[in-house]
Amino acid sequence: MDDEYRETGFRVRRGLVGPELIEALNERFHAIADGEVEPAPNLQVVRNVEIAKGYVEPETPAHGISKMNFIQNDPVMRRYAECPAILDEVEALIGHDLLAMNSMYLNKPPKVDGRHPLHQDLLYFPFRPADRIVGAWTALDRVTRENGCLVVIPGSHQGPLLEHDYPDWEHKNFLFVGAKGIDVERRVHLEMEPGDTVFFHPLLIHGSGFNKTDGLRRAFAVHFANANCEDIWEGRTESIGKIVPREDFRLVRGRDPHGYGAAPRAAD
């Protein structure tokens, strides 16, 4: 673990993911959005609440989607979690035996409230210790303050897991909760070019803002845990409708001594 990551809770690697993989991920997203490809088993397609409730008419099918969750059964999208350049960086931070989890294609369309309140990702994970988990977030477009880049609070990973709740906003997207009692004045904006990747600690407070442009803001994110971690939920599985988040856990490097990783599942 390098000094920058230890002190700030994140580090950015410029141009880490190449254009071929970026193009493949974007094409797959649009193919699923347009109905040309059926979503893989357990893949959750999420629409922004304003679109789901009919307040906003999306310009295209892709404009109606805020993210695709739990993508490990998709043969194209899972390439991100298997990318050697990503895994080498992750291994340097948390060790060799690596599980991928909580994988998602993130789409921030314009003309809707696509903000994600400042939060800590450890809230969603069963594994401990936190220092053996890291998130990887790659820009698939140019990401700026205008189209809703990530914001982080450097050093916030050194504190505890905070209480979270839905923000006092008119439109609230499902599970987009925010941490309570934080100093937003310390936040830093991370503007990125396509292929730039930020690696961040699961206790790092982070979020993103509005997309004020006319185009989409696309990114890809996967969290990784060392497979030797303790599962403090003791294997408990909760579903989101027909979606099972634990089915997204996959061994991507090394050994899986506790058998946390799920087996790939093909379409019926």
Foldseek 3Di string as FASTA:
>chain_A
DDPQCVQFQKDKDAQLDDPVLLVLVVVVLVCCLQVVDPQWPQKDWAFFQCVVVPVDDAPGSSLGTFKIWLRCLPPSQVVVVQPPSVQVVLCVQQHFWKKKFGKMKGKAAAPGWSWQAWFFQVVPAQWDDQSQKKKKKFWSAFFDLQAKAKKWQTRQLVDDHADWDFDPDPGTGPPSIYGPDDDCVRIDGDTGHGNMMMMGGRRITMIIGHNNDRGMTIMIMIMMGRLPTDRNVVPDWDADVSRTRQQSIATNGDDNVVPSYHDHDGHD
